[in-house]
Amino acid sequence: MAETKDFFESWLPEKLREHPTLAKDINAVYVFDIDGAGQWTVDLTSGSGEVRAGGHPDPGCVVTAAKGDFESMLENPAGAMMLFMAGKLKVSNVGLGLSLQKLLS
């Protein structure tokens, strides 16, 4: 199973380095509040994007999930919609939430 901490500290920063236009394409700030794992900010509003621990005062979208549910989504991104429909994955802005597919694929 994918680890939440590794996703935010290694996998996602590497993906942003390899695909520098992703940040420009999405152009939003996300806060991931993962119960049992912590909180991370993914700021895609400048440069090639930045991932850091902690929150942000004005995110465009807040993603909330339990650690186990989030990690199951990392293993199977197609399952995100099922988690969302079951209320296990919450997003404060559905339009920006859909843009997350670009990051996870």
N, C-alpha and C. Protein backbone atom coordinates (compact mmCIF):
# COMPACT_ATOMS: atom_id res chain seq x y z
N MET A 1 0.84 -1.19 0.00
CA MET A 1 0.00 0.00 0.00
C MET A 1 0.88 1.25 0.00
N ALA A 2 0.49 2.24 -0.76
CA ALA A 2 1.22 3.51 -0.82
C ALA A 2 1.10 4.21 0.53
N GLU A 3 2.16 4.84 0.95
CA GLU A 3 2.18 5.58 2.21
C GLU A 3 1.90 7.06 1.95
N THR A 4 1.03 7.63 2.74
CA THR A 4 0.66 9.04 2.59
C THR A 4 1.88 9.95 2.66
N LYS A 5 2.70 9.75 3.67
CA LYS A 5 3.88 10.61 3.85
C LYS A 5 4.81 10.53 2.64
N ASP A 6 5.06 9.33 2.13
CA ASP A 6 5.91 9.17 0.95
C ASP A 6 5.30 9.85 -0.28
N PHE A 7 3.97 9.78 -0.39
CA PHE A 7 3.30 10.42 -1.51
C PHE A 7 3.60 11.92 -1.53
N PHE A 8 3.44 12.58 -0.37
CA PHE A 8 3.63 14.03 -0.32
C PHE A 8 5.09 14.46 -0.27
N GLU A 9 5.95 13.64 0.30
CA GLU A 9 7.35 14.03 0.44
C GLU A 9 8.22 13.60 -0.73
N SER A 10 7.82 12.56 -1.45
CA SER A 10 8.67 12.05 -2.54
C SER A 10 7.95 11.98 -3.88
N TRP A 11 6.87 11.19 -3.94
CA TRP A 11 6.24 10.91 -5.22
C TRP A 11 5.70 12.17 -5.89
N LEU A 12 4.89 12.96 -5.18
CA LEU A 12 4.27 14.15 -5.79
C LEU A 12 5.29 15.22 -6.16
N PRO A 13 6.25 15.55 -5.29
CA PRO A 13 7.27 16.52 -5.72
C PRO A 13 8.04 16.07 -6.97
N GLU A 14 8.32 14.77 -7.05
CA GLU A 14 9.02 14.24 -8.22
C GLU A 14 8.15 14.36 -9.48
N LYS A 15 6.87 14.07 -9.35
CA LYS A 15 5.96 14.20 -10.49
C LYS A 15 5.91 15.64 -10.97
N LEU A 16 5.86 16.60 -10.04
CA LEU A 16 5.83 18.01 -10.42
C LEU A 16 7.13 18.42 -11.10
N ARG A 17 8.26 17.87 -10.66
CA ARG A 17 9.54 18.17 -11.33
C ARG A 17 9.57 17.61 -12.75
N GLU A 18 9.04 16.40 -12.90
CA GLU A 18 9.04 15.75 -14.22
C GLU A 18 8.03 16.37 -15.18
N HIS A 19 6.97 16.97 -14.65
CA HIS A 19 5.91 17.55 -15.47
C HIS A 19 5.64 18.98 -15.01
N PRO A 20 6.56 19.90 -15.32
CA PRO A 20 6.45 21.26 -14.79
C PRO A 20 5.21 22.03 -15.26
N THR A 21 4.56 21.60 -16.32
CA THR A 21 3.37 22.32 -16.78
C THR A 21 2.11 21.93 -15.99
N LEU A 22 2.17 20.88 -15.19
CA LEU A 22 1.00 20.48 -14.40
C LEU A 22 0.51 21.61 -13.50
N ALA A 23 1.45 22.27 -12.83
CA ALA A 23 1.07 23.35 -11.91
C ALA A 23 0.33 24.45 -12.67
N LYS A 24 0.86 24.84 -13.81
CA LYS A 24 0.24 25.90 -14.61
C LYS A 24 -1.14 25.46 -15.11
N ASP A 25 -1.27 24.20 -15.49
CA ASP A 25 -2.54 23.68 -15.99
C ASP A 25 -3.62 23.70 -14.91
N ILE A 26 -3.24 23.38 -13.67
CA ILE A 26 -4.23 23.30 -12.58
C ILE A 26 -4.40 24.64 -11.88
N ASN A 27 -3.29 25.31 -11.55
CA ASN A 27 -3.28 26.67 -10.99
C ASN A 27 -4.22 26.83 -9.78
N ALA A 28 -3.99 26.02 -8.73
CA ALA A 28 -4.82 26.09 -7.53
C ALA A 28 -4.00 25.68 -6.32
N VAL A 29 -4.52 25.99 -5.14
CA VAL A 29 -3.90 25.57 -3.88
C VAL A 29 -4.82 24.54 -3.24
N TYR A 30 -4.25 23.39 -2.92
CA TYR A 30 -4.98 22.31 -2.25
C TYR A 30 -4.41 22.11 -0.86
N VAL A 31 -5.28 21.84 0.09
CA VAL A 31 -4.85 21.38 1.40
C VAL A 31 -5.42 19.98 1.57
N PHE A 32 -4.55 19.04 1.86
CA PHE A 32 -4.94 17.67 2.13
C PHE A 32 -4.90 17.47 3.64
N ASP A 33 -6.05 17.18 4.22
CA ASP A 33 -6.16 16.95 5.66
C ASP A 33 -6.46 15.47 5.84
N ILE A 34 -5.41 14.70 6.09
CA ILE A 34 -5.52 13.25 6.14
C ILE A 34 -5.49 12.79 7.59
N ASP A 35 -6.65 12.38 8.08
CA ASP A 35 -6.78 11.95 9.48
C ASP A 35 -5.88 10.74 9.74
N GLY A 36 -5.00 10.88 10.70
CA GLY A 36 -4.07 9.81 11.03
C GLY A 36 -2.73 9.95 10.34
N ALA A 37 -2.57 10.95 9.49
CA ALA A 37 -1.31 11.13 8.76
C ALA A 37 -0.80 12.56 8.78
N GLY A 38 -1.68 13.55 8.83
CA GLY A 38 -1.25 14.94 8.86
C GLY A 38 -1.92 15.79 7.80
N GLN A 39 -1.35 16.97 7.63
CA GLN A 39 -1.90 17.95 6.70
C GLN A 39 -0.78 18.44 5.78
N TRP A 40 -1.09 18.55 4.49
CA TRP A 40 -0.13 19.02 3.50
C TRP A 40 -0.78 20.05 2.59
N THR A 41 0.03 21.00 2.14
CA THR A 41 -0.40 21.97 1.15
C THR A 41 0.28 21.66 -0.17
N VAL A 42 -0.49 21.64 -1.24
CA VAL A 42 0.03 21.50 -2.60
C VAL A 42 -0.34 22.80 -3.30
N ASP A 43 0.67 23.65 -3.49
CA ASP A 43 0.46 24.98 -4.08
C ASP A 43 0.90 24.93 -5.54
N LEU A 44 -0.06 25.00 -6.43
CA LEU A 44 0.20 24.92 -7.87
C LEU A 44 -0.02 26.26 -8.54
N THR A 45 0.16 27.36 -7.79
CA THR A 45 -0.11 28.69 -8.34
C THR A 45 1.13 29.41 -8.83
N SER A 46 2.32 28.85 -8.61
CA SER A 46 3.52 29.52 -9.11
C SER A 46 4.59 28.49 -9.45
N GLY A 47 5.40 28.84 -10.41
CA GLY A 47 6.49 27.96 -10.82
C GLY A 47 5.97 26.59 -11.22
N SER A 48 6.71 25.57 -10.80
CA SER A 48 6.29 24.20 -11.13
C SER A 48 5.57 23.55 -9.96
N GLY A 49 5.18 24.36 -8.96
CA GLY A 49 4.41 23.86 -7.84
C GLY A 49 5.28 23.57 -6.63
N GLU A 50 4.63 23.50 -5.48
CA GLU A 50 5.32 23.24 -4.22
C GLU A 50 4.44 22.37 -3.33
N VAL A 51 5.07 21.41 -2.66
CA VAL A 51 4.39 20.55 -1.71
C VAL A 51 5.07 20.76 -0.37
N ARG A 52 4.28 21.06 0.68
CA ARG A 52 4.87 21.27 2.00
C ARG A 52 3.91 20.79 3.09
N ALA A 53 4.46 20.43 4.21
CA ALA A 53 3.65 20.02 5.35
C ALA A 53 2.92 21.22 5.91
N GLY A 54 1.73 20.99 6.45
CA GLY A 54 0.95 22.05 7.07
C GLY A 54 -0.14 22.56 6.17
N GLY A 55 -0.89 23.51 6.71
CA GLY A 55 -2.03 24.07 5.99
C GLY A 55 -1.71 25.33 5.22
N HIS A 56 -2.74 25.95 4.71
CA HIS A 56 -2.64 27.18 3.94
C HIS A 56 -3.82 28.06 4.36
N PRO A 57 -3.62 29.38 4.47
CA PRO A 57 -4.71 30.24 4.95
C PRO A 57 -5.89 30.37 3.98
N ASP A 58 -5.68 30.14 2.69
CA ASP A 58 -6.76 30.35 1.72
C ASP A 58 -6.68 29.33 0.58
N PRO A 59 -6.90 28.04 0.88
CA PRO A 59 -6.83 27.04 -0.20
C PRO A 59 -8.05 27.13 -1.11
N GLY A 60 -7.85 26.76 -2.35
CA GLY A 60 -8.97 26.68 -3.28
C GLY A 60 -9.80 25.42 -3.06
N CYS A 61 -9.15 24.39 -2.50
CA CYS A 61 -9.83 23.12 -2.28
C CYS A 61 -9.20 22.41 -1.08
N VAL A 62 -10.03 21.93 -0.20
CA VAL A 62 -9.57 21.11 0.93
C VAL A 62 -10.05 19.69 0.69
N VAL A 63 -9.10 18.76 0.74
CA VAL A 63 -9.40 17.34 0.57
C VAL A 63 -9.26 16.68 1.93
N THR A 64 -10.30 15.98 2.36
CA THR A 64 -10.31 15.34 3.67
C THR A 64 -10.59 13.86 3.51
N ALA A 65 -9.79 13.04 4.21
CA ALA A 65 -10.00 11.59 4.19
C ALA A 65 -9.25 10.97 5.36
N ALA A 66 -9.63 9.75 5.71
CA ALA A 66 -8.87 8.97 6.68
C ALA A 66 -7.64 8.41 5.95
N LYS A 67 -6.59 8.18 6.69
CA LYS A 67 -5.34 7.69 6.12
C LYS A 67 -5.54 6.43 5.28
N GLY A 68 -6.26 5.46 5.80
CA GLY A 68 -6.48 4.21 5.07
C GLY A 68 -7.23 4.41 3.77
N ASP A 69 -8.24 5.26 3.79
CA ASP A 69 -9.01 5.53 2.57
C ASP A 69 -8.17 6.28 1.55
N PHE A 70 -7.37 7.26 2.02
CA PHE A 70 -6.52 8.01 1.11
C PHE A 70 -5.49 7.09 0.46
N GLU A 71 -4.90 6.22 1.25
CA GLU A 71 -3.89 5.31 0.71
C GLU A 71 -4.50 4.29 -0.25
N SER A 72 -5.73 3.88 -0.02
CA SER A 72 -6.38 2.98 -0.99
C SER A 72 -6.62 3.71 -2.30
N MET A 73 -6.91 5.02 -2.22
CA MET A 73 -7.08 5.82 -3.43
C MET A 73 -5.75 5.96 -4.18
N LEU A 74 -4.65 6.10 -3.43
CA LEU A 74 -3.34 6.20 -4.09
C LEU A 74 -3.02 4.92 -4.85
N GLU A 75 -3.42 3.78 -4.29
CA GLU A 75 -3.19 2.50 -4.95
C GLU A 75 -4.08 2.32 -6.17
N ASN A 76 -5.30 2.86 -6.09
CA ASN A 76 -6.28 2.70 -7.16
C ASN A 76 -7.00 4.03 -7.37
N PRO A 77 -6.38 4.97 -8.13
CA PRO A 77 -6.99 6.29 -8.32
C PRO A 77 -8.41 6.23 -8.89
N ALA A 78 -8.73 5.20 -9.63
CA ALA A 78 -10.08 5.07 -10.18
C ALA A 78 -11.12 4.89 -9.07
N GLY A 79 -10.69 4.47 -7.89
CA GLY A 79 -11.59 4.28 -6.76
C GLY A 79 -11.95 5.57 -6.04
N ALA A 80 -11.37 6.69 -6.45
CA ALA A 80 -11.63 7.97 -5.79
C ALA A 80 -13.11 8.33 -5.83
N MET A 81 -13.76 8.09 -6.94
CA MET A 81 -15.18 8.44 -7.07
C MET A 81 -16.02 7.61 -6.11
N MET A 82 -15.67 6.35 -5.93
CA MET A 82 -16.41 5.49 -4.98
C MET A 82 -16.24 6.02 -3.57
N LEU A 83 -15.02 6.41 -3.21
CA LEU A 83 -14.77 6.97 -1.88
C LEU A 83 -15.55 8.28 -1.70
N PHE A 84 -15.57 9.10 -2.74
CA PHE A 84 -16.30 10.36 -2.69
C PHE A 84 -17.80 10.12 -2.49
N MET A 85 -18.35 9.21 -3.27
CA MET A 85 -19.78 8.92 -3.18
C MET A 85 -20.15 8.32 -1.83
N ALA A 86 -19.23 7.60 -1.21
CA ALA A 86 -19.48 6.99 0.10
C ALA A 86 -19.23 7.97 1.24
N GLY A 87 -18.77 9.18 0.91
CA GLY A 87 -18.51 10.18 1.94
C GLY A 87 -17.19 9.98 2.67
N LYS A 88 -16.34 9.11 2.13
CA LYS A 88 -15.05 8.84 2.77
C LYS A 88 -13.94 9.74 2.24
N LEU A 89 -14.18 10.38 1.12
CA LEU A 89 -13.25 11.35 0.53
C LEU A 89 -14.08 12.61 0.31
N LYS A 90 -13.69 13.68 0.96
CA LYS A 90 -14.45 14.93 0.85
C LYS A 90 -13.58 15.99 0.19
N VAL A 91 -14.19 16.77 -0.68
CA VAL A 91 -13.51 17.88 -1.32
C VAL A 91 -14.40 19.12 -1.19
N SER A 92 -13.79 20.24 -0.86
CA SER A 92 -14.58 21.46 -0.67
C SER A 92 -14.94 22.14 -1.98
N ASN A 93 -14.26 21.78 -3.07
CA ASN A 93 -14.52 22.35 -4.39
C ASN A 93 -14.46 21.20 -5.39
N VAL A 94 -15.61 20.74 -5.84
CA VAL A 94 -15.67 19.56 -6.70
C VAL A 94 -14.91 19.77 -8.01
N GLY A 95 -15.01 20.96 -8.60
CA GLY A 95 -14.31 21.24 -9.85
C GLY A 95 -12.80 21.08 -9.69
N LEU A 96 -12.25 21.65 -8.63
CA LEU A 96 -10.82 21.49 -8.37
C LEU A 96 -10.50 20.06 -7.95
N GLY A 97 -11.43 19.42 -7.28
CA GLY A 97 -11.23 18.03 -6.91
C GLY A 97 -11.05 17.14 -8.13
N LEU A 98 -11.81 17.41 -9.17
CA LEU A 98 -11.68 16.63 -10.41
C LEU A 98 -10.32 16.84 -11.06
N SER A 99 -9.72 18.01 -10.88
CA SER A 99 -8.40 18.28 -11.44
C SER A 99 -7.31 17.43 -10.79
N LEU A 100 -7.61 16.87 -9.63
CA LEU A 100 -6.62 16.03 -8.94
C LEU A 100 -6.27 14.79 -9.75
N GLN A 101 -7.16 14.38 -10.63
CA GLN A 101 -6.87 13.21 -11.47
C GLN A 101 -5.59 13.43 -12.28
N LYS A 102 -5.33 14.67 -12.67
CA LYS A 102 -4.12 14.98 -13.42
C LYS A 102 -2.88 14.72 -12.56
N LEU A 103 -2.99 14.97 -11.26
CA LEU A 103 -1.85 14.74 -10.37
C LEU A 103 -1.65 13.27 -10.07
N LEU A 104 -2.74 12.53 -9.95
CA LEU A 104 -2.65 11.14 -9.52
C LEU A 104 -2.37 10.17 -10.65
N SER A 105 -2.65 10.57 -11.88
CA SER A 105 -2.46 9.63 -13.00
C SER A 105 -1.03 9.62 -13.50
